[in-house]
Amino acid sequence: MRRAVVALAAATALLACGSATAADGWWTFDRNTNLNSTLAWKWTYPPSPAQYSRSWRAGSGSSTDECRRGEGWLPAGWYAQWGHWNHYGGSAIRGRVWWLQDKYCYDGVTKRVELFIHSEETADNGQACTSAWDDPFCWEREADYYSLGCIKLARPSPVADFPGDLGSAHSYYHSYGGSSNHGDLPNDAYELYVFS
């Protein structure tokens, strides 16, 4: 009987530890400038209130007016994450991306759409550096932090010395509480908060 009680207590403790080790994660974006802001992945291990974080330099938009479609940085507030792909093949962005919900800016009228966290890479996570100036799927220079209103991270470049922040963010996302699923995600999952 005593062994059964000890075994039951041990099993209960293991189950409690297992559930306590599952991380819950979310993004935050601290707007500073279009070329130098901060994207962070934060996570907790409920029920513990302790928070952990890893951050990266990021850009957003080419204007600080969040109501300018295709130019303004991401509007402030909470976002649902609508999807995540490792090999996205869009016309303007490709590769590892996180798709964010549409959002009205501060005027309550202008709706911002096609919002992503991404970099400049090909759908197979490579680089297509074919010209001497600026290729949309090649990270060449600091000005690549500018975006069409999305959040952009640097990636290793064959033509310039930049950190591999996109790969690091992708790894932290999957290791510490991000969804393991790819493609469309439930609208209320894995949110982003953009500070004003």
N, C-alpha and C. Protein backbone atom coordinates (compact mmCIF):
# COMPACT_ATOMS: atom_id res chain seq x y z
N MET A 1 0.83 -1.19 0.00
CA MET A 1 0.00 0.00 0.00
C MET A 1 0.87 1.26 0.00
N ARG A 2 1.92 1.23 0.82
CA ARG A 2 2.81 2.38 0.91
C ARG A 2 3.48 2.64 -0.44
N ARG A 3 3.92 1.55 -1.15
CA ARG A 3 4.53 1.71 -2.46
C ARG A 3 3.55 2.33 -3.44
N ALA A 4 2.30 1.92 -3.39
CA ALA A 4 1.28 2.46 -4.29
C ALA A 4 1.09 3.96 -4.06
N VAL A 5 1.08 4.39 -2.80
CA VAL A 5 0.92 5.81 -2.47
C VAL A 5 2.12 6.60 -2.97
N VAL A 6 3.35 6.05 -2.76
CA VAL A 6 4.56 6.72 -3.22
C VAL A 6 4.56 6.82 -4.75
N ALA A 7 4.18 5.72 -5.43
CA ALA A 7 4.13 5.72 -6.89
C ALA A 7 3.12 6.73 -7.41
N LEU A 8 1.95 6.81 -6.76
CA LEU A 8 0.93 7.77 -7.15
C LEU A 8 1.43 9.19 -6.95
N ALA A 9 2.09 9.46 -5.83
CA ALA A 9 2.63 10.79 -5.56
C ALA A 9 3.69 11.16 -6.60
N ALA A 10 4.54 10.21 -6.95
CA ALA A 10 5.58 10.46 -7.96
C ALA A 10 4.96 10.74 -9.32
N ALA A 11 3.95 9.97 -9.69
CA ALA A 11 3.28 10.18 -10.98
C ALA A 11 2.61 11.54 -11.02
N THR A 12 1.97 11.93 -9.93
CA THR A 12 1.32 13.23 -9.85
C THR A 12 2.35 14.35 -9.98
N ALA A 13 3.50 14.19 -9.33
CA ALA A 13 4.56 15.19 -9.40
C ALA A 13 5.09 15.31 -10.83
N LEU A 14 5.26 14.18 -11.51
CA LEU A 14 5.74 14.21 -12.89
C LEU A 14 4.75 14.91 -13.81
N LEU A 15 3.47 14.63 -13.63
CA LEU A 15 2.45 15.30 -14.43
C LEU A 15 2.46 16.80 -14.18
N ALA A 16 2.58 17.19 -12.92
CA ALA A 16 2.61 18.61 -12.58
C ALA A 16 3.82 19.28 -13.20
N CYS A 17 4.98 18.62 -13.15
CA CYS A 17 6.20 19.18 -13.74
C CYS A 17 6.05 19.29 -15.25
N GLY A 18 5.47 18.28 -15.87
CA GLY A 18 5.29 18.29 -17.32
C GLY A 18 4.45 19.45 -17.77
N SER A 19 3.36 19.72 -17.09
CA SER A 19 2.50 20.82 -17.51
C SER A 19 3.13 22.17 -17.18
N ALA A 20 3.95 22.22 -16.13
CA ALA A 20 4.57 23.48 -15.75
C ALA A 20 5.71 23.85 -16.71
N THR A 21 6.25 22.89 -17.46
CA THR A 21 7.36 23.19 -18.35
C THR A 21 6.92 23.65 -19.72
N ALA A 22 5.63 23.60 -20.04
CA ALA A 22 5.15 24.09 -21.33
C ALA A 22 5.13 25.61 -21.31
N ALA A 23 5.84 26.20 -22.25
CA ALA A 23 5.95 27.66 -22.27
C ALA A 23 4.78 28.28 -23.03
N ASP A 24 4.40 29.48 -22.60
CA ASP A 24 3.46 30.32 -23.32
C ASP A 24 4.24 31.53 -23.82
N GLY A 25 4.20 31.80 -25.14
CA GLY A 25 4.99 32.89 -25.69
C GLY A 25 4.19 33.91 -26.46
N TRP A 26 4.78 35.10 -26.63
CA TRP A 26 4.15 36.18 -27.40
C TRP A 26 5.25 37.16 -27.84
N TRP A 27 4.95 37.92 -28.89
CA TRP A 27 5.84 38.95 -29.41
C TRP A 27 5.54 40.30 -28.78
N THR A 28 6.56 41.15 -28.68
CA THR A 28 6.36 42.58 -28.42
C THR A 28 7.22 43.35 -29.41
N PHE A 29 6.75 44.54 -29.78
CA PHE A 29 7.50 45.39 -30.69
C PHE A 29 7.53 46.79 -30.11
N ASP A 30 8.74 47.27 -29.85
CA ASP A 30 8.94 48.60 -29.27
C ASP A 30 9.42 49.53 -30.38
N ARG A 31 8.53 50.42 -30.83
CA ARG A 31 8.86 51.33 -31.93
C ARG A 31 9.81 52.42 -31.44
N ASN A 32 10.94 52.55 -32.12
CA ASN A 32 11.90 53.59 -31.81
C ASN A 32 12.13 54.44 -33.06
N THR A 33 12.73 53.84 -34.09
CA THR A 33 12.84 54.46 -35.41
C THR A 33 12.50 53.39 -36.44
N ASN A 34 12.31 53.83 -37.69
CA ASN A 34 12.00 52.86 -38.76
C ASN A 34 13.13 51.87 -38.97
N LEU A 35 14.36 52.28 -38.69
CA LEU A 35 15.52 51.42 -38.93
C LEU A 35 16.07 50.76 -37.67
N ASN A 36 15.61 51.18 -36.51
CA ASN A 36 16.19 50.66 -35.28
C ASN A 36 15.16 50.61 -34.16
N SER A 37 14.32 49.59 -34.20
CA SER A 37 13.34 49.33 -33.15
C SER A 37 13.66 47.95 -32.57
N THR A 38 12.81 47.46 -31.67
CA THR A 38 13.12 46.19 -31.01
C THR A 38 11.93 45.24 -31.06
N LEU A 39 12.16 44.07 -31.65
CA LEU A 39 11.20 42.97 -31.61
C LEU A 39 11.68 41.99 -30.56
N ALA A 40 10.79 41.56 -29.68
CA ALA A 40 11.16 40.60 -28.63
C ALA A 40 10.20 39.42 -28.64
N TRP A 41 10.72 38.26 -28.31
CA TRP A 41 9.90 37.08 -28.04
C TRP A 41 9.96 36.88 -26.54
N LYS A 42 8.80 36.85 -25.89
CA LYS A 42 8.71 36.70 -24.44
C LYS A 42 7.95 35.42 -24.12
N TRP A 43 8.29 34.81 -22.99
CA TRP A 43 7.60 33.59 -22.61
C TRP A 43 7.61 33.40 -21.10
N THR A 44 6.64 32.61 -20.65
CA THR A 44 6.53 32.23 -19.25
C THR A 44 6.32 30.71 -19.19
N TYR A 45 6.48 30.18 -17.98
CA TYR A 45 6.16 28.77 -17.73
C TYR A 45 5.07 28.73 -16.66
N PRO A 46 3.79 28.87 -17.07
CA PRO A 46 2.72 28.88 -16.08
C PRO A 46 2.75 27.64 -15.19
N PRO A 47 2.43 27.79 -13.92
CA PRO A 47 1.81 28.96 -13.31
C PRO A 47 2.81 29.99 -12.79
N SER A 48 4.10 29.82 -13.02
CA SER A 48 5.09 30.79 -12.55
C SER A 48 4.89 32.13 -13.26
N PRO A 49 4.97 33.26 -12.53
CA PRO A 49 4.82 34.56 -13.17
C PRO A 49 6.12 35.06 -13.82
N ALA A 50 7.23 34.36 -13.63
CA ALA A 50 8.51 34.81 -14.17
C ALA A 50 8.45 34.88 -15.69
N GLN A 51 8.97 35.99 -16.24
CA GLN A 51 9.00 36.19 -17.69
C GLN A 51 10.44 36.10 -18.19
N TYR A 52 10.58 35.54 -19.39
CA TYR A 52 11.87 35.44 -20.06
C TYR A 52 11.74 36.14 -21.40
N SER A 53 12.86 36.61 -21.94
CA SER A 53 12.77 37.39 -23.17
C SER A 53 14.06 37.30 -23.97
N ARG A 54 13.92 37.37 -25.28
CA ARG A 54 15.05 37.49 -26.20
C ARG A 54 14.64 38.53 -27.23
N SER A 55 15.51 39.50 -27.51
CA SER A 55 15.12 40.58 -28.42
C SER A 55 16.14 40.75 -29.55
N TRP A 56 15.66 41.41 -30.62
CA TRP A 56 16.46 41.64 -31.82
C TRP A 56 16.15 43.03 -32.37
N ARG A 57 17.14 43.61 -33.03
CA ARG A 57 16.90 44.85 -33.76
C ARG A 57 15.94 44.57 -34.91
N ALA A 58 15.01 45.48 -35.14
CA ALA A 58 14.04 45.32 -36.21
C ALA A 58 13.67 46.68 -36.79
N GLY A 59 13.18 46.67 -38.00
CA GLY A 59 12.67 47.88 -38.62
C GLY A 59 11.18 47.74 -38.89
N SER A 60 10.54 48.87 -39.19
CA SER A 60 9.13 48.84 -39.54
C SER A 60 8.78 50.09 -40.33
N GLY A 61 8.28 49.89 -41.54
CA GLY A 61 7.84 51.00 -42.36
C GLY A 61 8.98 51.88 -42.84
N SER A 62 8.59 52.97 -43.51
CA SER A 62 9.55 54.00 -43.92
C SER A 62 9.08 55.36 -43.43
N SER A 63 7.98 55.36 -42.67
CA SER A 63 7.42 56.56 -42.06
C SER A 63 6.96 56.19 -40.65
N THR A 64 6.97 57.17 -39.74
CA THR A 64 6.48 56.91 -38.39
C THR A 64 4.99 57.18 -38.25
N ASP A 65 4.32 57.55 -39.34
CA ASP A 65 2.87 57.75 -39.31
C ASP A 65 2.20 56.40 -39.56
N GLU A 66 1.64 55.82 -38.51
CA GLU A 66 1.07 54.47 -38.62
C GLU A 66 -0.16 54.41 -39.52
N CYS A 67 -0.71 55.56 -39.92
CA CYS A 67 -1.88 55.57 -40.80
C CYS A 67 -1.52 55.60 -42.28
N ARG A 68 -0.25 55.59 -42.62
CA ARG A 68 0.17 55.59 -44.02
C ARG A 68 0.30 54.15 -44.51
N ARG A 69 -0.64 53.74 -45.36
CA ARG A 69 -0.63 52.37 -45.90
C ARG A 69 0.64 52.11 -46.70
N GLY A 70 1.26 50.97 -46.45
CA GLY A 70 2.44 50.58 -47.19
C GLY A 70 3.69 51.36 -46.85
N GLU A 71 3.62 52.29 -45.87
CA GLU A 71 4.77 53.10 -45.49
C GLU A 71 4.92 53.24 -43.98
N GLY A 72 3.80 53.42 -43.29
CA GLY A 72 3.86 53.67 -41.86
C GLY A 72 4.26 52.44 -41.07
N TRP A 73 4.84 52.69 -39.90
CA TRP A 73 5.18 51.54 -39.08
C TRP A 73 3.93 50.93 -38.48
N LEU A 74 4.07 49.75 -37.91
CA LEU A 74 2.91 49.00 -37.41
C LEU A 74 2.13 49.82 -36.38
N PRO A 75 0.80 49.90 -36.52
CA PRO A 75 -0.01 50.59 -35.52
C PRO A 75 0.14 49.96 -34.13
N ALA A 76 0.00 50.79 -33.11
CA ALA A 76 0.13 50.32 -31.72
C ALA A 76 -1.06 49.45 -31.34
N GLY A 77 -0.83 48.56 -30.36
CA GLY A 77 -1.90 47.73 -29.81
C GLY A 77 -1.63 46.25 -29.96
N TRP A 78 -2.65 45.45 -29.60
CA TRP A 78 -2.57 43.98 -29.64
C TRP A 78 -2.92 43.46 -31.03
N TYR A 79 -2.26 42.40 -31.43
CA TYR A 79 -2.52 41.71 -32.70
C TYR A 79 -2.70 40.22 -32.45
N ALA A 80 -3.59 39.62 -33.21
CA ALA A 80 -3.62 38.16 -33.30
C ALA A 80 -2.63 37.76 -34.40
N GLN A 81 -2.08 36.59 -34.27
CA GLN A 81 -1.22 36.06 -35.32
C GLN A 81 -2.06 35.10 -36.15
N TRP A 82 -2.19 35.38 -37.44
CA TRP A 82 -3.07 34.60 -38.30
C TRP A 82 -2.37 33.43 -38.96
N GLY A 83 -1.05 33.44 -39.02
CA GLY A 83 -0.37 32.34 -39.68
C GLY A 83 1.13 32.41 -39.52
N HIS A 84 1.78 31.30 -39.84
CA HIS A 84 3.24 31.21 -39.83
C HIS A 84 3.67 30.19 -40.88
N TRP A 85 4.65 30.59 -41.70
CA TRP A 85 5.18 29.71 -42.74
C TRP A 85 6.71 29.75 -42.71
N ASN A 86 7.32 28.62 -43.02
CA ASN A 86 8.77 28.55 -43.17
C ASN A 86 9.20 28.84 -44.60
N HIS A 87 8.33 28.61 -45.57
CA HIS A 87 8.68 28.75 -46.99
C HIS A 87 7.59 29.50 -47.74
N TYR A 88 7.25 30.67 -47.25
CA TYR A 88 6.20 31.48 -47.85
C TYR A 88 6.66 31.95 -49.23
N GLY A 89 5.76 31.92 -50.20
CA GLY A 89 6.12 32.27 -51.57
C GLY A 89 5.35 33.44 -52.12
N GLY A 90 5.20 34.50 -51.35
CA GLY A 90 4.46 35.66 -51.81
C GLY A 90 5.21 36.45 -52.87
N SER A 91 4.55 37.46 -53.43
CA SER A 91 5.20 38.29 -54.45
C SER A 91 6.12 39.34 -53.84
N ALA A 92 5.76 39.90 -52.69
CA ALA A 92 6.58 40.94 -52.06
C ALA A 92 7.48 40.40 -50.95
N ILE A 93 7.02 39.36 -50.25
CA ILE A 93 7.84 38.76 -49.19
C ILE A 93 7.84 37.25 -49.35
N ARG A 94 8.93 36.65 -48.90
CA ARG A 94 9.08 35.20 -49.03
C ARG A 94 9.86 34.67 -47.84
N GLY A 95 9.87 33.35 -47.72
CA GLY A 95 10.67 32.71 -46.68
C GLY A 95 9.93 32.51 -45.38
N ARG A 96 10.64 32.72 -44.26
CA ARG A 96 10.07 32.54 -42.92
C ARG A 96 9.29 33.80 -42.55
N VAL A 97 7.98 33.65 -42.36
CA VAL A 97 7.12 34.80 -42.08
C VAL A 97 6.08 34.45 -41.02
N TRP A 98 5.64 35.48 -40.31
CA TRP A 98 4.50 35.40 -39.40
C TRP A 98 3.49 36.42 -39.90
N TRP A 99 2.26 35.99 -40.13
CA TRP A 99 1.21 36.85 -40.67
C TRP A 99 0.39 37.40 -39.51
N LEU A 100 0.21 38.72 -39.48
CA LEU A 100 -0.51 39.40 -38.41
C LEU A 100 -1.86 39.89 -38.91
N GLN A 101 -2.79 40.03 -37.98
CA GLN A 101 -4.13 40.49 -38.32
C GLN A 101 -4.10 41.89 -38.91
N ASP A 102 -5.15 42.23 -39.65
CA ASP A 102 -5.35 43.60 -40.12
C ASP A 102 -5.60 44.49 -38.91
N LYS A 103 -5.27 45.79 -39.03
CA LYS A 103 -5.39 46.68 -37.87
C LYS A 103 -5.73 48.09 -38.32
N TYR A 104 -6.70 48.72 -37.64
CA TYR A 104 -6.97 50.13 -37.85
C TYR A 104 -5.93 50.96 -37.09
N CYS A 105 -5.47 52.03 -37.73
CA CYS A 105 -4.50 52.90 -37.05
C CYS A 105 -5.23 53.86 -36.12
N TYR A 106 -4.50 54.80 -35.56
CA TYR A 106 -5.06 55.69 -34.53
C TYR A 106 -6.24 56.51 -34.99
N ASP A 107 -6.41 56.73 -36.33
CA ASP A 107 -7.55 57.54 -36.78
C ASP A 107 -8.86 56.77 -36.79
N GLY A 108 -8.80 55.44 -36.59
CA GLY A 108 -9.99 54.61 -36.55
C GLY A 108 -10.64 54.39 -37.91
N VAL A 109 -10.05 54.90 -38.97
CA VAL A 109 -10.61 54.80 -40.32
C VAL A 109 -9.68 54.02 -41.25
N THR A 110 -8.39 54.30 -41.18
CA THR A 110 -7.41 53.68 -42.08
C THR A 110 -7.07 52.28 -41.60
N LYS A 111 -7.40 51.31 -42.45
CA LYS A 111 -7.14 49.92 -42.10
C LYS A 111 -5.84 49.47 -42.75
N ARG A 112 -4.94 48.95 -41.92
CA ARG A 112 -3.66 48.42 -42.41
C ARG A 112 -3.79 46.92 -42.62
N VAL A 113 -3.38 46.46 -43.78
CA VAL A 113 -3.52 45.05 -44.15
C VAL A 113 -2.20 44.49 -44.64
N GLU A 114 -2.15 43.17 -44.82
CA GLU A 114 -0.96 42.47 -45.29
C GLU A 114 0.25 42.80 -44.41
N LEU A 115 0.10 42.55 -43.12
CA LEU A 115 1.14 42.84 -42.13
C LEU A 115 1.85 41.55 -41.74
N PHE A 116 3.16 41.59 -41.74
CA PHE A 116 3.97 40.40 -41.48
C PHE A 116 5.17 40.75 -40.60
N ILE A 117 5.74 39.74 -39.97
CA ILE A 117 7.10 39.77 -39.45
C ILE A 117 7.91 38.94 -40.44
N HIS A 118 8.98 39.52 -41.00
CA HIS A 118 9.72 38.81 -42.07
C HIS A 118 11.11 39.41 -42.24
N SER A 119 11.80 38.97 -43.27
CA SER A 119 13.10 39.52 -43.65
C SER A 119 13.14 39.64 -45.15
N GLU A 120 14.34 39.67 -45.72
CA GLU A 120 14.50 39.62 -47.17
C GLU A 120 15.23 38.34 -47.49
N GLU A 121 14.46 37.32 -47.91
CA GLU A 121 15.04 36.05 -48.29
C GLU A 121 14.12 35.38 -49.30
N THR A 122 14.60 34.32 -49.93
CA THR A 122 13.81 33.58 -50.90
C THR A 122 12.89 32.60 -50.17
N ALA A 123 11.97 32.00 -50.92
CA ALA A 123 11.03 31.04 -50.32
C ALA A 123 11.75 29.84 -49.73
N ASP A 124 12.94 29.51 -50.25
CA ASP A 124 13.69 28.38 -49.68
C ASP A 124 14.71 28.84 -48.63
N ASN A 125 14.52 30.05 -48.09
CA ASN A 125 15.33 30.62 -47.01
C ASN A 125 16.74 30.98 -47.44
N GLY A 126 16.93 31.20 -48.73
CA GLY A 126 18.23 31.62 -49.23
C GLY A 126 18.25 33.10 -49.57
N GLN A 127 19.22 33.51 -50.37
CA GLN A 127 19.38 34.89 -50.80
C GLN A 127 19.45 34.92 -52.32
N ALA A 128 18.80 35.93 -52.92
CA ALA A 128 18.85 36.15 -54.36
C ALA A 128 19.46 37.52 -54.59
N CYS A 129 20.78 37.58 -54.60
CA CYS A 129 21.53 38.83 -54.74
C CYS A 129 22.04 38.91 -56.16
N THR A 130 21.24 39.53 -57.03
CA THR A 130 21.56 39.50 -58.46
C THR A 130 21.98 40.85 -59.02
N SER A 131 21.77 41.94 -58.28
CA SER A 131 22.12 43.26 -58.81
C SER A 131 23.13 43.94 -57.88
N ALA A 132 23.58 45.09 -58.32
CA ALA A 132 24.56 45.83 -57.53
C ALA A 132 23.90 46.78 -56.53
N TRP A 133 22.57 46.86 -56.54
CA TRP A 133 21.94 47.84 -55.66
C TRP A 133 21.06 47.18 -54.60
N ASP A 134 19.78 46.97 -54.87
CA ASP A 134 18.88 46.47 -53.84
C ASP A 134 17.96 45.41 -54.41
N ASP A 135 18.13 44.20 -53.96
CA ASP A 135 17.26 43.10 -54.36
C ASP A 135 16.23 42.85 -53.26
N PRO A 136 14.97 42.58 -53.61
CA PRO A 136 13.94 42.40 -52.58
C PRO A 136 14.10 41.12 -51.76
N PHE A 137 14.90 40.17 -52.25
CA PHE A 137 15.07 38.91 -51.52
C PHE A 137 16.54 38.68 -51.16
N CYS A 138 17.23 39.79 -50.88
CA CYS A 138 18.63 39.75 -50.47
C CYS A 138 18.88 40.84 -49.43
N TRP A 139 19.44 40.48 -48.30
CA TRP A 139 19.76 41.47 -47.26
C TRP A 139 21.15 42.02 -47.55
N GLU A 140 21.20 43.30 -47.99
CA GLU A 140 22.47 43.89 -48.39
C GLU A 140 22.96 45.02 -47.50
N ARG A 141 22.06 45.74 -46.84
CA ARG A 141 22.47 46.99 -46.20
C ARG A 141 21.50 47.38 -45.11
N GLU A 142 21.86 48.39 -44.34
CA GLU A 142 21.02 48.83 -43.23
C GLU A 142 19.65 49.30 -43.69
N ALA A 143 19.57 49.91 -44.86
CA ALA A 143 18.29 50.40 -45.37
C ALA A 143 17.28 49.27 -45.60
N ASP A 144 17.75 48.02 -45.60
CA ASP A 144 16.82 46.90 -45.75
C ASP A 144 15.90 46.75 -44.56
N TYR A 145 16.19 47.44 -43.44
CA TYR A 145 15.26 47.42 -42.31
C TYR A 145 13.97 48.16 -42.65
N TYR A 146 13.99 49.08 -43.64
CA TYR A 146 12.76 49.71 -44.09
C TYR A 146 11.82 48.65 -44.63
N SER A 147 10.51 48.86 -44.47
CA SER A 147 9.54 47.89 -44.96
C SER A 147 8.32 48.61 -45.52
N LEU A 148 7.40 47.84 -46.04
CA LEU A 148 6.13 48.38 -46.53
C LEU A 148 5.10 48.42 -45.40
N GLY A 149 5.56 48.59 -44.19
CA GLY A 149 4.67 48.68 -43.05
C GLY A 149 4.69 47.46 -42.16
N CYS A 150 5.55 46.50 -42.46
CA CYS A 150 5.67 45.28 -41.66
C CYS A 150 6.78 45.44 -40.62
N ILE A 151 7.11 44.36 -39.95
CA ILE A 151 8.28 44.31 -39.07
C ILE A 151 9.34 43.47 -39.79
N LYS A 152 10.56 44.01 -39.92
CA LYS A 152 11.62 43.30 -40.62
C LYS A 152 12.81 43.05 -39.70
N LEU A 153 13.33 41.83 -39.80
CA LEU A 153 14.54 41.41 -39.10
C LEU A 153 15.65 41.17 -40.11
N ALA A 154 16.90 41.37 -39.67
CA ALA A 154 18.04 41.08 -40.53
C ALA A 154 18.24 39.58 -40.64
N ARG A 155 18.96 39.19 -41.67
CA ARG A 155 19.35 37.79 -41.83
C ARG A 155 20.79 37.79 -42.34
N PRO A 156 21.51 36.69 -42.18
CA PRO A 156 22.89 36.68 -42.68
C PRO A 156 22.92 37.02 -44.16
N SER A 157 23.88 37.83 -44.55
CA SER A 157 23.96 38.29 -45.93
C SER A 157 25.26 37.85 -46.58
N PRO A 158 25.19 37.44 -47.85
CA PRO A 158 26.43 37.08 -48.54
C PRO A 158 27.22 38.30 -48.99
N VAL A 159 26.62 39.50 -48.91
CA VAL A 159 27.30 40.70 -49.40
C VAL A 159 27.59 41.74 -48.32
N ALA A 160 27.13 41.51 -47.10
CA ALA A 160 27.38 42.47 -46.02
C ALA A 160 27.38 41.72 -44.68
N ASP A 161 27.91 42.36 -43.66
CA ASP A 161 28.01 41.72 -42.34
C ASP A 161 26.78 42.09 -41.50
N PHE A 162 25.79 41.20 -41.48
CA PHE A 162 24.60 41.40 -40.67
C PHE A 162 24.34 40.16 -39.83
N PRO A 163 23.76 40.33 -38.66
CA PRO A 163 23.47 39.17 -37.81
C PRO A 163 22.32 38.34 -38.39
N GLY A 164 22.25 37.10 -37.98
CA GLY A 164 21.18 36.22 -38.43
C GLY A 164 19.97 36.28 -37.53
N ASP A 165 19.39 37.47 -37.36
CA ASP A 165 18.30 37.63 -36.40
C ASP A 165 17.03 36.88 -36.77
N LEU A 166 16.72 36.77 -38.05
CA LEU A 166 15.51 36.05 -38.45
C LEU A 166 15.58 34.59 -38.00
N GLY A 167 16.71 33.95 -38.24
CA GLY A 167 16.87 32.55 -37.83
C GLY A 167 16.80 32.38 -36.32
N SER A 168 17.38 33.32 -35.58
CA SER A 168 17.34 33.27 -34.12
C SER A 168 15.91 33.44 -33.62
N ALA A 169 15.18 34.42 -34.18
CA ALA A 169 13.78 34.64 -33.77
C ALA A 169 12.94 33.41 -34.08
N HIS A 170 13.16 32.81 -35.23
CA HIS A 170 12.42 31.61 -35.62
C HIS A 170 12.69 30.47 -34.64
N SER A 171 13.93 30.31 -34.22
CA SER A 171 14.29 29.27 -33.27
C SER A 171 13.67 29.51 -31.89
N TYR A 172 13.76 30.74 -31.38
CA TYR A 172 13.17 31.05 -30.07
C TYR A 172 11.66 30.86 -30.10
N TYR A 173 11.03 31.29 -31.19
CA TYR A 173 9.58 31.14 -31.33
C TYR A 173 9.17 29.68 -31.18
N HIS A 174 9.85 28.79 -31.89
CA HIS A 174 9.49 27.37 -31.85
C HIS A 174 9.93 26.68 -30.57
N SER A 175 10.97 27.17 -29.92
CA SER A 175 11.49 26.52 -28.71
C SER A 175 10.79 26.96 -27.43
N TYR A 176 10.23 28.16 -27.42
CA TYR A 176 9.71 28.73 -26.18
C TYR A 176 8.29 29.26 -26.33
N GLY A 177 7.36 28.39 -26.65
CA GLY A 177 5.95 28.73 -26.54
C GLY A 177 5.25 29.20 -27.79
N GLY A 178 5.93 29.23 -28.93
CA GLY A 178 5.25 29.54 -30.18
C GLY A 178 4.54 28.31 -30.71
N SER A 179 3.65 28.49 -31.64
CA SER A 179 2.92 27.36 -32.20
C SER A 179 3.86 26.47 -33.01
N SER A 180 3.68 25.17 -32.90
CA SER A 180 4.46 24.24 -33.73
C SER A 180 3.82 24.07 -35.10
N ASN A 181 2.62 24.63 -35.26
CA ASN A 181 1.90 24.51 -36.53
C ASN A 181 2.40 25.51 -37.56
N HIS A 182 2.21 25.18 -38.82
CA HIS A 182 2.53 26.07 -39.92
C HIS A 182 1.27 26.24 -40.77
N GLY A 183 1.20 27.38 -41.45
CA GLY A 183 0.01 27.72 -42.21
C GLY A 183 -0.88 28.64 -41.39
N ASP A 184 -2.16 28.63 -41.70
CA ASP A 184 -3.11 29.48 -40.97
C ASP A 184 -3.20 29.01 -39.52
N LEU A 185 -3.32 29.98 -38.61
CA LEU A 185 -3.45 29.70 -37.18
C LEU A 185 -4.77 30.28 -36.68
N PRO A 186 -5.28 29.80 -35.54
CA PRO A 186 -6.49 30.41 -34.96
C PRO A 186 -6.26 31.90 -34.72
N ASN A 187 -7.28 32.70 -34.95
CA ASN A 187 -7.14 34.16 -34.86
C ASN A 187 -6.72 34.69 -33.50
N ASP A 188 -6.93 33.93 -32.44
CA ASP A 188 -6.62 34.46 -31.12
C ASP A 188 -5.30 33.92 -30.58
N ALA A 189 -4.50 33.25 -31.43
CA ALA A 189 -3.31 32.57 -30.93
C ALA A 189 -2.05 33.41 -31.12
N TYR A 190 -1.12 33.28 -30.18
CA TYR A 190 0.25 33.78 -30.29
C TYR A 190 0.30 35.23 -30.72
N GLU A 191 -0.11 36.11 -29.81
CA GLU A 191 -0.29 37.51 -30.12
C GLU A 191 0.99 38.32 -30.12
N LEU A 192 0.86 39.53 -30.65
CA LEU A 192 1.91 40.54 -30.69
C LEU A 192 1.37 41.80 -30.03
N TYR A 193 2.20 42.46 -29.21
CA TYR A 193 1.83 43.77 -28.69
C TYR A 193 2.81 44.79 -29.21
N VAL A 194 2.31 45.86 -29.85
CA VAL A 194 3.13 46.95 -30.36
C VAL A 194 2.95 48.14 -29.42
N PHE A 195 4.06 48.58 -28.85
CA PHE A 195 4.03 49.73 -27.94
C PHE A 195 3.92 51.03 -28.73
N SER A 196 3.19 52.00 -28.16
CA SER A 196 3.03 53.29 -28.86
C SER A 196 4.21 54.19 -28.58
